[in-house]
Amino acid sequence: MVHVLVRHKVADYNQWKEAFDNHLSVRKRAGETGFRLFHDADDPRNITLLLDWPTVEEARRFMNSDELRNAMTKAGVVGAPEIQYLEDARSVHRTSAD
């Protein structure tokens, strides 16, 4: 499993969120298997995404695509996103019994 950590600022959160939601089928076709969306508690225009992909090749292909670049521009992303590719090294899920 590969995760893509994306940080960027958007002009308007609600406009960006609608565009992000509408882009779901494109992301799924490209190989995305899940995501988590965060926004800064003090400024919801500061977005952090953690997207899940089967392989780093699929993730890089999508993240470097003109289609994504155009969609981000239309959605109101301000400036260049910060992108990191992460691989699972260890995962622990706690329960109340731990």
PDB file of N, CA and C in Angstrom:
ATOM      1  N   MET A   1       0.848  -1.179   0.000  1.00  0.00           N
ATOM      2  CA  MET A   1       0.000   0.000   0.000  1.00  0.00           C
ATOM      3  C   MET A   1       0.893   1.242   0.000  1.00  0.00           C
ATOM      4  N   VAL A   2       0.523   2.186  -0.836  1.00  0.00           N
ATOM      5  CA  VAL A   2       1.232   3.460  -0.936  1.00  0.00           C
ATOM      6  C   VAL A   2       0.242   4.565  -0.585  1.00  0.00           C
ATOM      7  N   HIS A   3       0.737   5.561   0.097  1.00  0.00           N
ATOM      8  CA  HIS A   3      -0.090   6.716   0.446  1.00  0.00           C
ATOM      9  C   HIS A   3       0.536   7.950  -0.178  1.00  0.00           C
ATOM     10  N   VAL A   4      -0.315   8.837  -0.632  1.00  0.00           N
ATOM     11  CA  VAL A   4       0.156  10.109  -1.161  1.00  0.00           C
ATOM     12  C   VAL A   4      -0.348  11.186  -0.213  1.00  0.00           C
ATOM     13  N   LEU A   5       0.592  11.929   0.355  1.00  0.00           N
ATOM     14  CA  LEU A   5       0.272  13.037   1.247  1.00  0.00           C
ATOM     15  C   LEU A   5       0.340  14.320   0.424  1.00  0.00           C
ATOM     16  N   VAL A   6      -0.774  15.027   0.356  1.00  0.00           N
ATOM     17  CA  VAL A   6      -0.865  16.243  -0.454  1.00  0.00           C
ATOM     18  C   VAL A   6      -1.273  17.389   0.464  1.00  0.00           C
ATOM     19  N   ARG A   7      -0.528  18.477   0.381  1.00  0.00           N
ATOM     20  CA  ARG A   7      -0.891  19.696   1.111  1.00  0.00           C
ATOM     21  C   ARG A   7      -0.985  20.833   0.110  1.00  0.00           C
ATOM     22  N   HIS A   8      -2.065  21.592   0.217  1.00  0.00           N
ATOM     23  CA  HIS A   8      -2.193  22.781  -0.611  1.00  0.00           C
ATOM     24  C   HIS A   8      -3.228  23.721  -0.020  1.00  0.00           C
ATOM     25  N   LYS A   9      -3.241  24.927  -0.533  1.00  0.00           N
ATOM     26  CA  LYS A   9      -4.207  25.935  -0.109  1.00  0.00           C
ATOM     27  C   LYS A   9      -5.218  26.108  -1.230  1.00  0.00           C
ATOM     28  N   VAL A  10      -6.463  26.397  -0.848  1.00  0.00           N
ATOM     29  CA  VAL A  10      -7.509  26.616  -1.842  1.00  0.00           C
ATOM     30  C   VAL A  10      -8.133  27.988  -1.617  1.00  0.00           C
ATOM     31  N   ALA A  11      -8.670  28.555  -2.684  1.00  0.00           N
ATOM     32  CA  ALA A  11      -9.282  29.885  -2.597  1.00  0.00           C
ATOM     33  C   ALA A  11     -10.578  29.835  -1.794  1.00  0.00           C
ATOM     34  N   ASP A  12     -11.367  28.766  -1.995  1.00  0.00           N
ATOM     35  CA  ASP A  12     -12.653  28.620  -1.325  1.00  0.00           C
ATOM     36  C   ASP A  12     -12.866  27.149  -1.023  1.00  0.00           C
ATOM     37  N   TYR A  13     -12.972  26.792   0.257  1.00  0.00           N
ATOM     38  CA  TYR A  13     -13.079  25.384   0.642  1.00  0.00           C
ATOM     39  C   TYR A  13     -14.294  24.703   0.020  1.00  0.00           C
ATOM     40  N   ASN A  14     -15.459  25.321   0.092  1.00  0.00           N
ATOM     41  CA  ASN A  14     -16.679  24.688  -0.411  1.00  0.00           C
ATOM     42  C   ASN A  14     -16.603  24.425  -1.915  1.00  0.00           C
ATOM     43  N   GLN A  15     -16.059  25.371  -2.669  1.00  0.00           N
ATOM     44  CA  GLN A  15     -15.886  25.186  -4.117  1.00  0.00           C
ATOM     45  C   GLN A  15     -14.913  24.044  -4.379  1.00  0.00           C
ATOM     46  N   TRP A  16     -13.797  24.033  -3.657  1.00  0.00           N
ATOM     47  CA  TRP A  16     -12.806  22.977  -3.829  1.00  0.00           C
ATOM     48  C   TRP A  16     -13.398  21.617  -3.475  1.00  0.00           C
ATOM     49  N   LYS A  17     -14.118  21.527  -2.347  1.00  0.00           N
ATOM     50  CA  LYS A  17     -14.681  20.259  -1.874  1.00  0.00           C
ATOM     51  C   LYS A  17     -15.662  19.687  -2.894  1.00  0.00           C
ATOM     52  N   GLU A  18     -16.488  20.532  -3.485  1.00  0.00           N
ATOM     53  CA  GLU A  18     -17.426  20.066  -4.514  1.00  0.00           C
ATOM     54  C   GLU A  18     -16.667  19.488  -5.705  1.00  0.00           C
ATOM     55  N   ALA A  19     -15.623  20.178  -6.145  1.00  0.00           N
ATOM     56  CA  ALA A  19     -14.817  19.693  -7.273  1.00  0.00           C
ATOM     57  C   ALA A  19     -14.111  18.381  -6.903  1.00  0.00           C
ATOM     58  N   PHE A  20     -13.577  18.300  -5.684  1.00  0.00           N
ATOM     59  CA  PHE A  20     -12.913  17.084  -5.221  1.00  0.00           C
ATOM     60  C   PHE A  20     -13.880  15.908  -5.222  1.00  0.00           C
ATOM     61  N   ASP A  21     -15.070  16.117  -4.692  1.00  0.00           N
ATOM     62  CA  ASP A  21     -16.084  15.053  -4.656  1.00  0.00           C
ATOM     63  C   ASP A  21     -16.497  14.630  -6.063  1.00  0.00           C
ATOM     64  N   ASN A  22     -16.632  15.585  -6.972  1.00  0.00           N
ATOM     65  CA  ASN A  22     -17.024  15.282  -8.348  1.00  0.00           C
ATOM     66  C   ASN A  22     -15.929  14.548  -9.122  1.00  0.00           C
ATOM     67  N   HIS A  23     -14.711  14.585  -8.624  1.00  0.00           N
ATOM     68  CA  HIS A  23     -13.563  13.961  -9.289  1.00  0.00           C
ATOM     69  C   HIS A  23     -13.343  12.521  -8.808  1.00  0.00           C
ATOM     70  N   LEU A  24     -14.208  12.018  -7.923  1.00  0.00           N
ATOM     71  CA  LEU A  24     -14.045  10.701  -7.325  1.00  0.00           C
ATOM     72  C   LEU A  24     -13.926   9.592  -8.366  1.00  0.00           C
ATOM     73  N   SER A  25     -14.807   9.573  -9.352  1.00  0.00           N
ATOM     74  CA  SER A  25     -14.769   8.484 -10.338  1.00  0.00           C
ATOM     75  C   SER A  25     -13.464   8.483 -11.121  1.00  0.00           C
ATOM     76  N   VAL A  26     -12.908   9.639 -11.389  1.00  0.00           N
ATOM     77  CA  VAL A  26     -11.627   9.732 -12.104  1.00  0.00           C
ATOM     78  C   VAL A  26     -10.508   9.165 -11.234  1.00  0.00           C
ATOM     79  N   ARG A  27     -10.511   9.530  -9.953  1.00  0.00           N
ATOM     80  CA  ARG A  27      -9.483   9.021  -9.037  1.00  0.00           C
ATOM     81  C   ARG A  27      -9.589   7.505  -8.897  1.00  0.00           C
ATOM     82  N   LYS A  28     -10.816   6.992  -8.773  1.00  0.00           N
ATOM     83  CA  LYS A  28     -11.000   5.543  -8.641  1.00  0.00           C
ATOM     84  C   LYS A  28     -10.521   4.808  -9.885  1.00  0.00           C
ATOM     85  N   ARG A  29     -10.850   5.329 -11.071  1.00  0.00           N
ATOM     86  CA  ARG A  29     -10.390   4.704 -12.328  1.00  0.00           C
ATOM     87  C   ARG A  29      -8.869   4.682 -12.401  1.00  0.00           C
ATOM     88  N   ALA A  30      -8.237   5.704 -11.828  1.00  0.00           N
ATOM     89  CA  ALA A  30      -6.776   5.790 -11.863  1.00  0.00           C
ATOM     90  C   ALA A  30      -6.124   4.866 -10.838  1.00  0.00           C
ATOM     91  N   GLY A  31      -6.923   4.326  -9.890  1.00  0.00           N
ATOM     92  CA  GLY A  31      -6.382   3.367  -8.942  1.00  0.00           C
ATOM     93  C   GLY A  31      -6.513   3.735  -7.471  1.00  0.00           C
ATOM     94  N   GLU A  32      -6.986   4.928  -7.165  1.00  0.00           N
ATOM     95  CA  GLU A  32      -7.121   5.307  -5.753  1.00  0.00           C
ATOM     96  C   GLU A  32      -8.088   4.353  -5.056  1.00  0.00           C
ATOM     97  N   THR A  33      -7.685   3.873  -3.873  1.00  0.00           N
ATOM     98  CA  THR A  33      -8.524   2.925  -3.140  1.00  0.00           C
ATOM     99  C   THR A  33      -9.162   3.537  -1.892  1.00  0.00           C
ATOM    100  N   GLY A  34      -8.789   4.740  -1.542  1.00  0.00           N
ATOM    101  CA  GLY A  34      -9.365   5.414  -0.384  1.00  0.00           C
ATOM    102  C   GLY A  34      -8.646   6.720  -0.118  1.00  0.00           C
ATOM    103  N   PHE A  35      -9.208   7.514   0.780  1.00  0.00           N
ATOM    104  CA  PHE A  35      -8.565   8.773   1.132  1.00  0.00           C
ATOM    105  C   PHE A  35      -9.043   9.253   2.486  1.00  0.00           C
ATOM    106  N   ARG A  36      -8.267  10.150   3.072  1.00  0.00           N
ATOM    107  CA  ARG A  36      -8.664  10.915   4.249  1.00  0.00           C
ATOM    108  C   ARG A  36      -8.424  12.376   3.913  1.00  0.00           C
ATOM    109  N   LEU A  37      -9.376  13.200   4.295  1.00  0.00           N
ATOM    110  CA  LEU A  37      -9.320  14.636   4.019  1.00  0.00           C
ATOM    111  C   LEU A  37      -9.275  15.374   5.346  1.00  0.00           C
ATOM    112  N   PHE A  38      -8.329  16.298   5.450  1.00  0.00           N
ATOM    113  CA  PHE A  38      -8.189  17.137   6.636  1.00  0.00           C
ATOM    114  C   PHE A  38      -8.140  18.590   6.192  1.00  0.00           C
ATOM    115  N   HIS A  39      -8.639  19.477   7.036  1.00  0.00           N
ATOM    116  CA  HIS A  39      -8.362  20.894   6.815  1.00  0.00           C
ATOM    117  C   HIS A  39      -7.937  21.494   8.139  1.00  0.00           C
ATOM    118  N   ASP A  40      -7.151  22.532   8.048  1.00  0.00           N
ATOM    119  CA  ASP A  40      -6.601  23.209   9.216  1.00  0.00           C
ATOM    120  C   ASP A  40      -7.741  23.702  10.107  1.00  0.00           C
ATOM    121  N   ALA A  41      -7.622  23.495  11.398  1.00  0.00           N
ATOM    122  CA  ALA A  41      -8.660  23.908  12.345  1.00  0.00           C
ATOM    123  C   ALA A  41      -8.863  25.419  12.351  1.00  0.00           C
ATOM    124  N   ASP A  42      -7.818  26.174  12.038  1.00  0.00           N
ATOM    125  CA  ASP A  42      -7.916  27.634  12.052  1.00  0.00           C
ATOM    126  C   ASP A  42      -8.206  28.238  10.690  1.00  0.00           C
ATOM    127  N   ASP A  43      -7.915  27.496   9.625  1.00  0.00           N
ATOM    128  CA  ASP A  43      -8.147  27.998   8.268  1.00  0.00           C
ATOM    129  C   ASP A  43      -8.485  26.825   7.352  1.00  0.00           C
ATOM    130  N   PRO A  44      -9.774  26.582   7.106  1.00  0.00           N
ATOM    131  CA  PRO A  44     -10.174  25.421   6.298  1.00  0.00           C
ATOM    132  C   PRO A  44      -9.687  25.481   4.852  1.00  0.00           C
ATOM    133  N   ARG A  45      -9.093  26.590   4.447  1.00  0.00           N
ATOM    134  CA  ARG A  45      -8.535  26.663   3.088  1.00  0.00           C
ATOM    135  C   ARG A  45      -7.203  25.930   2.980  1.00  0.00           C
ATOM    136  N   ASN A  46      -6.605  25.569   4.118  1.00  0.00           N
ATOM    137  CA  ASN A  46      -5.373  24.775   4.125  1.00  0.00           C
ATOM    138  C   ASN A  46      -5.760  23.307   4.209  1.00  0.00           C
ATOM    139  N   ILE A  47      -5.556  22.597   3.099  1.00  0.00           N
ATOM    140  CA  ILE A  47      -6.023  21.220   2.928  1.00  0.00           C
ATOM    141  C   ILE A  47      -4.858  20.243   3.028  1.00  0.00           C
ATOM    142  N   THR A  48      -5.118  19.112   3.679  1.00  0.00           N
ATOM    143  CA  THR A  48      -4.194  17.984   3.678  1.00  0.00           C
ATOM    144  C   THR A  48      -4.994  16.748   3.279  1.00  0.00           C
ATOM    145  N   LEU A  49      -4.474  16.014   2.320  1.00  0.00           N
ATOM    146  CA  LEU A  49      -5.101  14.770   1.846  1.00  0.00           C
ATOM    147  C   LEU A  49      -4.132  13.613   2.051  1.00  0.00           C
ATOM    148  N   LEU A  50      -4.663  12.474   2.430  1.00  0.00           N
ATOM    149  CA  LEU A  50      -3.896  11.244   2.480  1.00  0.00           C
ATOM    150  C   LEU A  50      -4.648  10.247   1.603  1.00  0.00           C
ATOM    151  N   LEU A  51      -4.113   9.999   0.403  1.00  0.00           N
ATOM    152  CA  LEU A  51      -4.771   9.156  -0.603  1.00  0.00           C
ATOM    153  C   LEU A  51      -4.075   7.799  -0.656  1.00  0.00           C
ATOM    154  N   ASP A  52      -4.847   6.743  -0.787  1.00  0.00           N
ATOM    155  CA  ASP A  52      -4.317   5.373  -0.814  1.00  0.00           C
ATOM    156  C   ASP A  52      -4.281   4.839  -2.242  1.00  0.00           C
ATOM    157  N   TRP A  53      -3.166   4.174  -2.571  1.00  0.00           N
ATOM    158  CA  TRP A  53      -2.958   3.607  -3.904  1.00  0.00           C
ATOM    159  C   TRP A  53      -2.306   2.239  -3.780  1.00  0.00           C
ATOM    160  N   PRO A  54      -2.573   1.343  -4.717  1.00  0.00           N
ATOM    161  CA  PRO A  54      -1.932   0.024  -4.686  1.00  0.00           C
ATOM    162  C   PRO A  54      -0.421   0.095  -4.934  1.00  0.00           C
ATOM    163  N   THR A  55       0.002   0.973  -5.869  1.00  0.00           N
ATOM    164  CA  THR A  55       1.424   1.062  -6.203  1.00  0.00           C
ATOM    165  C   THR A  55       1.845   2.521  -6.338  1.00  0.00           C
ATOM    166  N   VAL A  56       3.133   2.751  -6.136  1.00  0.00           N
ATOM    167  CA  VAL A  56       3.665   4.102  -6.282  1.00  0.00           C
ATOM    168  C   VAL A  56       3.609   4.549  -7.748  1.00  0.00           C
ATOM    169  N   GLU A  57       3.733   3.600  -8.678  1.00  0.00           N
ATOM    170  CA  GLU A  57       3.673   3.945 -10.103  1.00  0.00           C
ATOM    171  C   GLU A  57       2.306   4.518 -10.473  1.00  0.00           C
ATOM    172  N   GLU A  58       1.242   3.863 -10.005  1.00  0.00           N
ATOM    173  CA  GLU A  58      -0.105   4.365 -10.288  1.00  0.00           C
ATOM    174  C   GLU A  58      -0.316   5.742  -9.658  1.00  0.00           C
ATOM    175  N   ALA A  59       0.147   5.891  -8.440  1.00  0.00           N
ATOM    176  CA  ALA A  59      -0.006   7.170  -7.740  1.00  0.00           C
ATOM    177  C   ALA A  59       0.738   8.280  -8.469  1.00  0.00           C
ATOM    178  N   ARG A  60       1.983   8.032  -8.847  1.00  0.00           N
ATOM    179  CA  ARG A  60       2.774   9.059  -9.551  1.00  0.00           C
ATOM    180  C   ARG A  60       2.162   9.418 -10.906  1.00  0.00           C
ATOM    181  N   ARG A  61       1.696   8.402 -11.617  1.00  0.00           N
ATOM    182  CA  ARG A  61       1.092   8.646 -12.927  1.00  0.00           C
ATOM    183  C   ARG A  61      -0.107   9.601 -12.779  1.00  0.00           C
ATOM    184  N   PHE A  62      -0.951   9.339 -11.798  1.00  0.00           N
ATOM    185  CA  PHE A  62      -2.116  10.191 -11.589  1.00  0.00           C
ATOM    186  C   PHE A  62      -1.712  11.584 -11.092  1.00  0.00           C
ATOM    187  N   MET A  63      -0.834  11.629 -10.106  1.00  0.00           N
ATOM    188  CA  MET A  63      -0.456  12.921  -9.509  1.00  0.00           C
ATOM    189  C   MET A  63       0.274  13.818 -10.503  1.00  0.00           C
ATOM    190  N   ASN A  64       0.917  13.229 -11.513  1.00  0.00           N
ATOM    191  CA  ASN A  64       1.637  14.014 -12.523  1.00  0.00           C
ATOM    192  C   ASN A  64       0.819  14.263 -13.787  1.00  0.00           C
ATOM    193  N   SER A  65      -0.447  13.864 -13.781  1.00  0.00           N
ATOM    194  CA  SER A  65      -1.255  13.970 -14.998  1.00  0.00           C
ATOM    195  C   SER A  65      -1.737  15.394 -15.261  1.00  0.00           C
ATOM    196  N   ASP A  66      -1.854  15.723 -16.527  1.00  0.00           N
ATOM    197  CA  ASP A  66      -2.419  17.016 -16.922  1.00  0.00           C
ATOM    198  C   ASP A  66      -3.869  17.121 -16.472  1.00  0.00           C
ATOM    199  N   GLU A  67      -4.581  15.996 -16.494  1.00  0.00           N
ATOM    200  CA  GLU A  67      -5.985  15.989 -16.076  1.00  0.00           C
ATOM    201  C   GLU A  67      -6.128  16.464 -14.624  1.00  0.00           C
ATOM    202  N   LEU A  68      -5.261  15.951 -13.740  1.00  0.00           N
ATOM    203  CA  LEU A  68      -5.321  16.382 -12.339  1.00  0.00           C
ATOM    204  C   LEU A  68      -4.910  17.845 -12.214  1.00  0.00           C
ATOM    205  N   ARG A  69      -3.877  18.225 -12.902  1.00  0.00           N
ATOM    206  CA  ARG A  69      -3.399  19.612 -12.847  1.00  0.00           C
ATOM    207  C   ARG A  69      -4.520  20.578 -13.262  1.00  0.00           C
ATOM    208  N   ASN A  70      -5.226  20.256 -14.334  1.00  0.00           N
ATOM    209  CA  ASN A  70      -6.337  21.096 -14.795  1.00  0.00           C
ATOM    210  C   ASN A  70      -7.481  21.114 -13.792  1.00  0.00           C
ATOM    211  N   ALA A  71      -7.797  19.956 -13.220  1.00  0.00           N
ATOM    212  CA  ALA A  71      -8.876  19.877 -12.233  1.00  0.00           C
ATOM    213  C   ALA A  71      -8.547  20.706 -10.994  1.00  0.00           C
ATOM    214  N   MET A  72      -7.291  20.678 -10.575  1.00  0.00           N
ATOM    215  CA  MET A  72      -6.885  21.444  -9.399  1.00  0.00           C
ATOM    216  C   MET A  72      -6.989  22.946  -9.663  1.00  0.00           C
ATOM    217  N   THR A  73      -6.623  23.349 -10.846  1.00  0.00           N
ATOM    218  CA  THR A  73      -6.730  24.765 -11.206  1.00  0.00           C
ATOM    219  C   THR A  73      -8.183  25.212 -11.188  1.00  0.00           C
ATOM    220  N   LYS A  74      -9.052  24.418 -11.810  1.00  0.00           N
ATOM    221  CA  LYS A  74     -10.488  24.745 -11.843  1.00  0.00           C
ATOM    222  C   LYS A  74     -11.101  24.742 -10.446  1.00  0.00           C
ATOM    223  N   ALA A  75     -10.587  23.897  -9.557  1.00  0.00           N
ATOM    224  CA  ALA A  75     -11.123  23.787  -8.198  1.00  0.00           C
ATOM    225  C   ALA A  75     -10.679  24.937  -7.301  1.00  0.00           C
ATOM    226  N   GLY A  76      -9.694  25.712  -7.764  1.00  0.00           N
ATOM    227  CA  GLY A  76      -9.247  26.856  -6.983  1.00  0.00           C
ATOM    228  C   GLY A  76      -8.046  26.606  -6.099  1.00  0.00           C
ATOM    229  N   VAL A  77      -7.222  25.613  -6.445  1.00  0.00           N
ATOM    230  CA  VAL A  77      -5.995  25.386  -5.690  1.00  0.00           C
ATOM    231  C   VAL A  77      -5.052  26.563  -5.937  1.00  0.00           C
ATOM    232  N   VAL A  78      -4.504  27.089  -4.855  1.00  0.00           N
ATOM    233  CA  VAL A  78      -3.623  28.248  -4.922  1.00  0.00           C
ATOM    234  C   VAL A  78      -2.177  27.770  -4.819  1.00  0.00           C
ATOM    235  N   GLY A  79      -1.376  28.068  -5.823  1.00  0.00           N
ATOM    236  CA  GLY A  79       0.032  27.685  -5.803  1.00  0.00           C
ATOM    237  C   GLY A  79       0.234  26.202  -6.079  1.00  0.00           C
ATOM    238  N   ALA A  80       1.472  25.778  -5.947  1.00  0.00           N
ATOM    239  CA  ALA A  80       1.831  24.380  -6.212  1.00  0.00           C
ATOM    240  C   ALA A  80       1.600  23.540  -4.959  1.00  0.00           C
ATOM    241  N   PRO A  81       1.036  22.343  -5.118  1.00  0.00           N
ATOM    242  CA  PRO A  81       0.843  21.478  -3.951  1.00  0.00           C
ATOM    243  C   PRO A  81       2.169  20.869  -3.495  1.00  0.00           C
ATOM    244  N   GLU A  82       2.227  20.526  -2.227  1.00  0.00           N
ATOM    245  CA  GLU A  82       3.345  19.763  -1.679  1.00  0.00           C
ATOM    246  C   GLU A  82       2.897  18.301  -1.690  1.00  0.00           C
ATOM    247  N   ILE A  83       3.683  17.437  -2.357  1.00  0.00           N
ATOM    248  CA  ILE A  83       3.290  16.033  -2.516  1.00  0.00           C
ATOM    249  C   ILE A  83       4.406  15.128  -2.012  1.00  0.00           C
ATOM    250  N   GLN A  84       4.024  14.140  -1.192  1.00  0.00           N
ATOM    251  CA  GLN A  84       4.966  13.131  -0.710  1.00  0.00           C
ATOM    252  C   GLN A  84       4.368  11.755  -0.950  1.00  0.00           C
ATOM    253  N   TYR A  85       5.215  10.799  -1.333  1.00  0.00           N
ATOM    254  CA  TYR A  85       4.808   9.411  -1.541  1.00  0.00           C
ATOM    255  C   TYR A  85       5.335   8.596  -0.358  1.00  0.00           C
ATOM    256  N   LEU A  86       4.423   7.909   0.331  1.00  0.00           N
ATOM    257  CA  LEU A  86       4.769   7.188   1.552  1.00  0.00           C
ATOM    258  C   LEU A  86       4.390   5.721   1.423  1.00  0.00           C
ATOM    259  N   GLU A  87       5.234   4.842   1.944  1.00  0.00           N
ATOM    260  CA  GLU A  87       4.921   3.419   1.967  1.00  0.00           C
ATOM    261  C   GLU A  87       4.697   2.996   3.407  1.00  0.00           C
ATOM    262  N   ASP A  88       3.769   2.051   3.614  1.00  0.00           N
ATOM    263  CA  ASP A  88       3.530   1.530   4.952  1.00  0.00           C
ATOM    264  C   ASP A  88       4.802   0.894   5.489  1.00  0.00           C
ATOM    265  N   ALA A  89       5.180   1.267   6.689  1.00  0.00           N
ATOM    266  CA  ALA A  89       6.299   0.633   7.369  1.00  0.00           C
ATOM    267  C   ALA A  89       5.774  -0.163   8.565  1.00  0.00           C
ATOM    268  N   ARG A  90       4.793   0.418   9.252  1.00  0.00           N
ATOM    269  CA  ARG A  90       4.176  -0.248  10.399  1.00  0.00           C
ATOM    270  C   ARG A  90       2.868   0.447  10.699  1.00  0.00           C
ATOM    271  N   SER A  91       1.900  -0.327  11.105  1.00  0.00           N
ATOM    272  CA  SER A  91       0.593   0.237  11.412  1.00  0.00           C
ATOM    273  C   SER A  91       0.077  -0.398  12.701  1.00  0.00           C
ATOM    274  N   VAL A  92      -0.418   0.412  13.621  1.00  0.00           N
ATOM    275  CA  VAL A  92      -0.977  -0.078  14.870  1.00  0.00           C
ATOM    276  C   VAL A  92      -2.331   0.574  15.052  1.00  0.00           C
ATOM    277  N   HIS A  93      -3.344  -0.210  15.358  1.00  0.00           N
ATOM    278  CA  HIS A  93      -4.685   0.315  15.635  1.00  0.00           C
ATOM    279  C   HIS A  93      -5.026  -0.055  17.076  1.00  0.00           C
ATOM    280  N   ARG A  94      -5.223   0.935  17.887  1.00  0.00           N
ATOM    281  CA  ARG A  94      -5.508   0.729  19.307  1.00  0.00           C
ATOM    282  C   ARG A  94      -7.011   0.543  19.542  1.00  0.00           C
ATOM    283  N   THR A  95      -7.318  -0.179  20.590  1.00  0.00           N
ATOM    284  CA  THR A  95      -8.693  -0.313  21.058  1.00  0.00           C
ATOM    285  C   THR A  95      -8.725   0.108  22.521  1.00  0.00           C
ATOM    286  N   SER A  96      -9.906   0.229  23.062  1.00  0.00           N
ATOM    287  CA  SER A  96     -10.012   0.608  24.477  1.00  0.00           C
ATOM    288  C   SER A  96      -9.421  -0.453  25.400  1.00  0.00           C
ATOM    289  N   ALA A  97      -9.234  -1.664  24.897  1.00  0.00           N
ATOM    290  CA  ALA A  97      -8.665  -2.748  25.689  1.00  0.00           C
ATOM    291  C   ALA A  97      -7.138  -2.668  25.775  1.00  0.00           C
ATOM    292  N   ASP A  98      -6.511  -1.848  24.944  1.00  0.00           N
ATOM    293  CA  ASP A  98      -5.032  -1.747  24.937  1.00  0.00           C
ATOM    294  C   ASP A  98      -4.509  -1.005  26.145  1.00  0.00           C
TER     295      ASP A  98
END
